[in-house]
Amino acid sequence: MIDKKALYGRFQDGQDRRQKFALKAAHKALDIAEGDVQITTTQSGFGWKELAVIGAIGLGVAWMFNQKEPAPVVPPAQTSPADADYEIRFYDEAGNPIRVDRVPGAESGGE
């Protein structure tokens, strides 16, 4: 059977050695005595400053999209006039008008 407590102890010892080494390297790099300052090297998640920057960027992008000019309004297409709007005249060879009576029901489109 595997002794999980012993394995975890070995893992924790390795983690402790890595953390001590990282702290020693940070103290040497910053030229600080090892007992003077406590340095924490981990940070997780977003802080309020990062969230404020992301929010400001989002508001700026939203403002830019709202500043676009609206699309021009296209007038509706013209419809053809009804048949009742036309007056048709007939002429003979001499240029005299020929009288033609309207067909009954022609005002309603001939249908």
N, C-alpha and C. Protein backbone atom coordinates (compact mmCIF):
# COMPACT_ATOMS: atom_id res chain seq x y z
N MET A 1 0.84 -1.17 0.00
CA MET A 1 0.00 0.00 0.00
C MET A 1 0.89 1.25 0.00
N ILE A 2 0.46 2.29 -0.69
CA ILE A 2 1.23 3.53 -0.80
C ILE A 2 1.00 4.37 0.45
N ASP A 3 2.10 4.86 1.02
CA ASP A 3 2.01 5.72 2.20
C ASP A 3 1.89 7.17 1.72
N LYS A 4 0.66 7.68 1.66
CA LYS A 4 0.42 9.02 1.11
C LYS A 4 1.00 10.10 2.01
N LYS A 5 1.00 9.90 3.30
CA LYS A 5 1.55 10.91 4.21
C LYS A 5 3.05 11.07 4.00
N ALA A 6 3.74 9.97 3.78
CA ALA A 6 5.18 10.05 3.56
C ALA A 6 5.46 10.74 2.21
N LEU A 7 4.68 10.40 1.18
CA LEU A 7 4.89 11.03 -0.12
C LEU A 7 4.58 12.53 -0.06
N TYR A 8 3.53 12.89 0.67
CA TYR A 8 3.21 14.31 0.78
C TYR A 8 4.31 15.04 1.55
N GLY A 9 4.88 14.41 2.56
CA GLY A 9 5.97 15.02 3.31
C GLY A 9 7.17 15.29 2.42
N ARG A 10 7.50 14.33 1.56
CA ARG A 10 8.61 14.53 0.63
C ARG A 10 8.29 15.66 -0.36
N PHE A 11 7.05 15.70 -0.84
CA PHE A 11 6.64 16.77 -1.74
C PHE A 11 6.75 18.13 -1.05
N GLN A 12 6.27 18.20 0.19
CA GLN A 12 6.29 19.47 0.93
C GLN A 12 7.73 19.93 1.20
N ASP A 13 8.62 18.97 1.48
CA ASP A 13 10.03 19.33 1.68
C ASP A 13 10.61 19.95 0.41
N GLY A 14 10.29 19.38 -0.75
CA GLY A 14 10.77 19.93 -2.01
C GLY A 14 10.22 21.33 -2.25
N GLN A 15 8.94 21.53 -1.92
CA GLN A 15 8.35 22.85 -2.08
C GLN A 15 9.02 23.87 -1.15
N ASP A 16 9.30 23.46 0.07
CA ASP A 16 9.96 24.37 1.03
C ASP A 16 11.35 24.76 0.52
N ARG A 17 12.11 23.80 -0.02
CA ARG A 17 13.44 24.10 -0.54
C ARG A 17 13.35 25.07 -1.72
N ARG A 18 12.38 24.87 -2.60
CA ARG A 18 12.22 25.77 -3.75
C ARG A 18 11.88 27.18 -3.28
N GLN A 19 11.00 27.30 -2.29
CA GLN A 19 10.61 28.62 -1.81
C GLN A 19 11.79 29.32 -1.14
N LYS A 20 12.57 28.59 -0.34
CA LYS A 20 13.75 29.19 0.31
C LYS A 20 14.74 29.66 -0.74
N PHE A 21 14.94 28.85 -1.79
CA PHE A 21 15.87 29.23 -2.85
C PHE A 21 15.38 30.49 -3.58
N ALA A 22 14.07 30.55 -3.88
CA ALA A 22 13.53 31.72 -4.57
C ALA A 22 13.68 32.97 -3.70
N LEU A 23 13.42 32.87 -2.42
CA LEU A 23 13.57 34.01 -1.53
C LEU A 23 15.03 34.45 -1.44
N LYS A 24 15.94 33.48 -1.35
CA LYS A 24 17.36 33.82 -1.29
C LYS A 24 17.80 34.51 -2.57
N ALA A 25 17.32 34.04 -3.72
CA ALA A 25 17.67 34.66 -4.99
C ALA A 25 17.11 36.08 -5.07
N ALA A 26 15.88 36.29 -4.59
CA ALA A 26 15.29 37.62 -4.60
C ALA A 26 16.07 38.57 -3.70
N HIS A 27 16.48 38.11 -2.51
CA HIS A 27 17.26 38.95 -1.59
C HIS A 27 18.60 39.33 -2.21
N LYS A 28 19.24 38.36 -2.86
CA LYS A 28 20.53 38.66 -3.48
C LYS A 28 20.35 39.63 -4.65
N ALA A 29 19.31 39.42 -5.47
CA ALA A 29 19.09 40.27 -6.63
C ALA A 29 18.78 41.70 -6.22
N LEU A 30 18.04 41.86 -5.13
CA LEU A 30 17.68 43.20 -4.66
C LEU A 30 18.68 43.78 -3.67
N ASP A 31 19.72 42.99 -3.35
CA ASP A 31 20.77 43.41 -2.41
C ASP A 31 20.16 43.79 -1.05
N ILE A 32 19.35 42.89 -0.54
CA ILE A 32 18.69 43.08 0.77
C ILE A 32 19.16 41.96 1.68
N ALA A 33 19.35 42.30 2.92
CA ALA A 33 19.71 41.27 3.90
C ALA A 33 18.55 40.30 4.02
N GLU A 34 18.88 39.02 4.30
CA GLU A 34 17.83 38.00 4.27
C GLU A 34 16.81 38.14 5.39
N GLY A 35 17.13 38.74 6.51
CA GLY A 35 16.20 38.85 7.61
C GLY A 35 15.45 40.16 7.65
N ASP A 36 15.78 41.11 6.79
CA ASP A 36 15.19 42.45 6.88
C ASP A 36 13.74 42.52 6.40
N VAL A 37 13.49 42.01 5.22
CA VAL A 37 12.20 42.23 4.58
C VAL A 37 11.58 40.90 4.22
N GLN A 38 10.27 40.83 4.41
CA GLN A 38 9.57 39.63 3.99
C GLN A 38 9.02 39.89 2.60
N ILE A 39 9.40 39.06 1.64
CA ILE A 39 8.97 39.24 0.26
C ILE A 39 8.01 38.11 -0.09
N THR A 40 6.84 38.47 -0.56
CA THR A 40 5.91 37.45 -1.05
C THR A 40 5.97 37.48 -2.57
N THR A 41 6.01 36.33 -3.16
CA THR A 41 6.22 36.25 -4.60
C THR A 41 5.00 35.78 -5.36
N THR A 42 3.88 35.60 -4.69
CA THR A 42 2.70 35.09 -5.39
C THR A 42 1.58 36.11 -5.38
N GLN A 43 0.83 36.13 -6.46
CA GLN A 43 -0.36 36.95 -6.56
C GLN A 43 -1.33 36.20 -7.46
N SER A 44 -2.58 36.12 -7.05
CA SER A 44 -3.55 35.40 -7.86
C SER A 44 -4.76 36.28 -8.13
N GLY A 45 -5.30 36.17 -9.31
CA GLY A 45 -6.51 36.89 -9.66
C GLY A 45 -6.25 38.33 -10.05
N PHE A 46 -7.34 39.01 -10.42
CA PHE A 46 -7.28 40.42 -10.78
C PHE A 46 -7.53 41.27 -9.56
N GLY A 47 -6.79 42.34 -9.44
CA GLY A 47 -7.03 43.32 -8.38
C GLY A 47 -7.99 44.38 -8.89
N TRP A 48 -8.32 45.32 -8.03
CA TRP A 48 -9.27 46.36 -8.42
C TRP A 48 -8.70 47.27 -9.50
N LYS A 49 -7.38 47.43 -9.52
CA LYS A 49 -6.77 48.28 -10.54
C LYS A 49 -6.89 47.65 -11.93
N GLU A 50 -6.63 46.35 -12.00
CA GLU A 50 -6.73 45.68 -13.29
C GLU A 50 -8.17 45.69 -13.80
N LEU A 51 -9.12 45.45 -12.89
CA LEU A 51 -10.53 45.46 -13.28
C LEU A 51 -10.96 46.86 -13.73
N ALA A 52 -10.43 47.91 -13.09
CA ALA A 52 -10.76 49.28 -13.49
C ALA A 52 -10.23 49.57 -14.89
N VAL A 53 -9.02 49.11 -15.19
CA VAL A 53 -8.45 49.32 -16.52
C VAL A 53 -9.27 48.58 -17.58
N ILE A 54 -9.65 47.35 -17.30
CA ILE A 54 -10.45 46.57 -18.25
C ILE A 54 -11.81 47.25 -18.46
N GLY A 55 -12.41 47.74 -17.38
CA GLY A 55 -13.69 48.43 -17.50
C GLY A 55 -13.57 49.71 -18.32
N ALA A 56 -12.48 50.47 -18.11
CA ALA A 56 -12.28 51.70 -18.87
C ALA A 56 -12.09 51.40 -20.35
N ILE A 57 -11.37 50.36 -20.66
CA ILE A 57 -11.18 49.97 -22.06
C ILE A 57 -12.52 49.58 -22.67
N GLY A 58 -13.31 48.82 -21.93
CA GLY A 58 -14.63 48.41 -22.43
C GLY A 58 -15.53 49.61 -22.68
N LEU A 59 -15.52 50.57 -21.78
CA LEU A 59 -16.34 51.78 -21.97
C LEU A 59 -15.86 52.58 -23.19
N GLY A 60 -14.55 52.65 -23.38
CA GLY A 60 -14.01 53.36 -24.53
C GLY A 60 -14.43 52.70 -25.84
N VAL A 61 -14.38 51.39 -25.89
CA VAL A 61 -14.79 50.68 -27.10
C VAL A 61 -16.28 50.88 -27.35
N ALA A 62 -17.10 50.81 -26.30
CA ALA A 62 -18.54 51.03 -26.46
C ALA A 62 -18.83 52.45 -26.95
N TRP A 63 -18.10 53.42 -26.44
CA TRP A 63 -18.29 54.81 -26.87
C TRP A 63 -17.94 54.97 -28.35
N MET A 64 -16.84 54.31 -28.78
CA MET A 64 -16.43 54.40 -30.18
C MET A 64 -17.50 53.83 -31.10
N PHE A 65 -18.11 52.70 -30.72
CA PHE A 65 -19.14 52.11 -31.57
C PHE A 65 -20.39 52.97 -31.60
N ASN A 66 -20.68 53.69 -30.54
CA ASN A 66 -21.85 54.55 -30.52
C ASN A 66 -21.63 55.84 -31.31
N GLN A 67 -20.40 56.21 -31.61
CA GLN A 67 -20.10 57.44 -32.32
C GLN A 67 -20.19 57.29 -33.84
N LYS A 68 -20.39 56.08 -34.32
CA LYS A 68 -20.48 55.87 -35.77
C LYS A 68 -21.71 56.60 -36.30
N GLU A 69 -21.58 57.16 -37.50
CA GLU A 69 -22.70 57.87 -38.11
C GLU A 69 -23.78 56.87 -38.50
N PRO A 70 -25.03 57.24 -38.28
CA PRO A 70 -26.09 56.31 -38.66
C PRO A 70 -26.15 56.17 -40.18
N ALA A 71 -26.63 55.05 -40.63
CA ALA A 71 -26.75 54.81 -42.06
C ALA A 71 -27.76 55.79 -42.65
N PRO A 72 -27.48 56.31 -43.85
CA PRO A 72 -28.41 57.26 -44.44
C PRO A 72 -29.76 56.59 -44.72
N VAL A 73 -30.81 57.36 -44.56
CA VAL A 73 -32.15 56.85 -44.79
C VAL A 73 -32.41 56.86 -46.29
N VAL A 74 -32.69 55.72 -46.84
CA VAL A 74 -32.94 55.60 -48.27
C VAL A 74 -34.44 55.78 -48.48
N PRO A 75 -34.83 56.73 -49.36
CA PRO A 75 -36.27 56.90 -49.59
C PRO A 75 -36.84 55.65 -50.24
N PRO A 76 -38.11 55.38 -50.01
CA PRO A 76 -38.70 54.18 -50.62
C PRO A 76 -38.73 54.32 -52.14
N ALA A 77 -38.69 53.19 -52.79
CA ALA A 77 -38.70 53.18 -54.26
C ALA A 77 -40.02 53.74 -54.76
N GLN A 78 -39.95 54.49 -55.86
CA GLN A 78 -41.17 55.07 -56.42
C GLN A 78 -41.99 53.97 -57.09
N THR A 79 -43.27 54.05 -56.85
CA THR A 79 -44.15 53.07 -57.48
C THR A 79 -44.67 53.67 -58.78
N SER A 80 -45.03 52.83 -59.70
CA SER A 80 -45.55 53.32 -60.97
C SER A 80 -46.97 53.86 -60.75
N PRO A 81 -47.32 54.91 -61.46
CA PRO A 81 -48.66 55.48 -61.27
C PRO A 81 -49.73 54.52 -61.78
N ALA A 82 -50.91 54.67 -61.26
CA ALA A 82 -52.03 53.82 -61.67
C ALA A 82 -52.43 54.16 -63.11
N ASP A 83 -53.11 53.24 -63.76
CA ASP A 83 -53.53 53.46 -65.14
C ASP A 83 -54.48 54.65 -65.27
N ALA A 84 -55.23 54.95 -64.23
CA ALA A 84 -56.18 56.05 -64.28
C ALA A 84 -55.46 57.40 -64.36
N ASP A 85 -54.19 57.46 -64.05
CA ASP A 85 -53.45 58.72 -64.09
C ASP A 85 -53.03 59.10 -65.52
N TYR A 86 -53.16 58.19 -66.47
CA TYR A 86 -52.76 58.46 -67.85
C TYR A 86 -53.98 58.82 -68.69
N GLU A 87 -53.75 59.70 -69.64
CA GLU A 87 -54.79 60.01 -70.62
C GLU A 87 -54.19 59.70 -71.99
N ILE A 88 -54.82 58.82 -72.69
CA ILE A 88 -54.30 58.41 -74.00
C ILE A 88 -55.13 59.09 -75.08
N ARG A 89 -54.45 59.71 -76.07
CA ARG A 89 -55.11 60.39 -77.18
C ARG A 89 -54.69 59.74 -78.49
N PHE A 90 -55.64 59.67 -79.41
CA PHE A 90 -55.37 59.11 -80.72
C PHE A 90 -55.54 60.22 -81.76
N TYR A 91 -54.69 60.20 -82.80
CA TYR A 91 -54.73 61.20 -83.87
C TYR A 91 -54.76 60.49 -85.21
N ASP A 92 -55.44 61.14 -86.18
CA ASP A 92 -55.43 60.58 -87.54
C ASP A 92 -54.21 61.10 -88.29
N GLU A 93 -54.11 60.78 -89.60
CA GLU A 93 -52.94 61.17 -90.38
C GLU A 93 -52.81 62.67 -90.53
N ALA A 94 -53.90 63.37 -90.47
CA ALA A 94 -53.87 64.82 -90.62
C ALA A 94 -53.57 65.52 -89.31
N GLY A 95 -53.51 64.80 -88.22
CA GLY A 95 -53.20 65.39 -86.94
C GLY A 95 -54.43 65.79 -86.16
N ASN A 96 -55.61 65.39 -86.65
CA ASN A 96 -56.84 65.70 -85.93
C ASN A 96 -57.07 64.65 -84.83
N PRO A 97 -57.49 65.10 -83.64
CA PRO A 97 -57.72 64.12 -82.57
C PRO A 97 -58.92 63.23 -82.88
N ILE A 98 -58.81 61.98 -82.52
CA ILE A 98 -59.88 61.00 -82.68
C ILE A 98 -60.45 60.76 -81.28
N ARG A 99 -61.79 60.92 -81.19
CA ARG A 99 -62.43 60.77 -79.88
C ARG A 99 -62.68 59.28 -79.65
N VAL A 100 -62.21 58.77 -78.47
CA VAL A 100 -62.43 57.37 -78.06
C VAL A 100 -63.05 57.41 -76.68
N ASP A 101 -64.21 56.77 -76.54
CA ASP A 101 -64.86 56.71 -75.23
C ASP A 101 -64.13 55.72 -74.33
N ARG A 102 -64.15 56.05 -73.08
CA ARG A 102 -63.51 55.14 -72.10
C ARG A 102 -64.31 53.86 -71.97
N VAL A 103 -63.58 52.80 -71.74
CA VAL A 103 -64.22 51.51 -71.55
C VAL A 103 -64.76 51.48 -70.12
N PRO A 104 -65.98 51.00 -69.91
CA PRO A 104 -66.48 50.94 -68.53
C PRO A 104 -65.60 50.03 -67.68
N GLY A 105 -65.33 50.47 -66.47
CA GLY A 105 -64.47 49.69 -65.54
C GLY A 105 -63.00 49.99 -65.72
N ALA A 106 -62.63 50.89 -66.63
CA ALA A 106 -61.22 51.21 -66.85
C ALA A 106 -60.64 51.99 -65.69
N GLU A 107 -61.45 52.70 -64.91
CA GLU A 107 -60.94 53.48 -63.78
C GLU A 107 -60.40 52.57 -62.68
N SER A 108 -60.89 51.33 -62.62
CA SER A 108 -60.44 50.43 -61.55
C SER A 108 -59.28 49.56 -62.00
N GLY A 109 -58.67 49.87 -63.12
CA GLY A 109 -57.51 49.10 -63.56
C GLY A 109 -57.85 48.08 -64.62
N GLY A 110 -59.10 48.02 -65.10
CA GLY A 110 -59.47 47.12 -66.16
C GLY A 110 -59.70 45.69 -65.72
N GLU A 111 -59.73 45.42 -64.47
CA GLU A 111 -59.91 44.05 -64.00
C GLU A 111 -61.31 43.80 -63.53
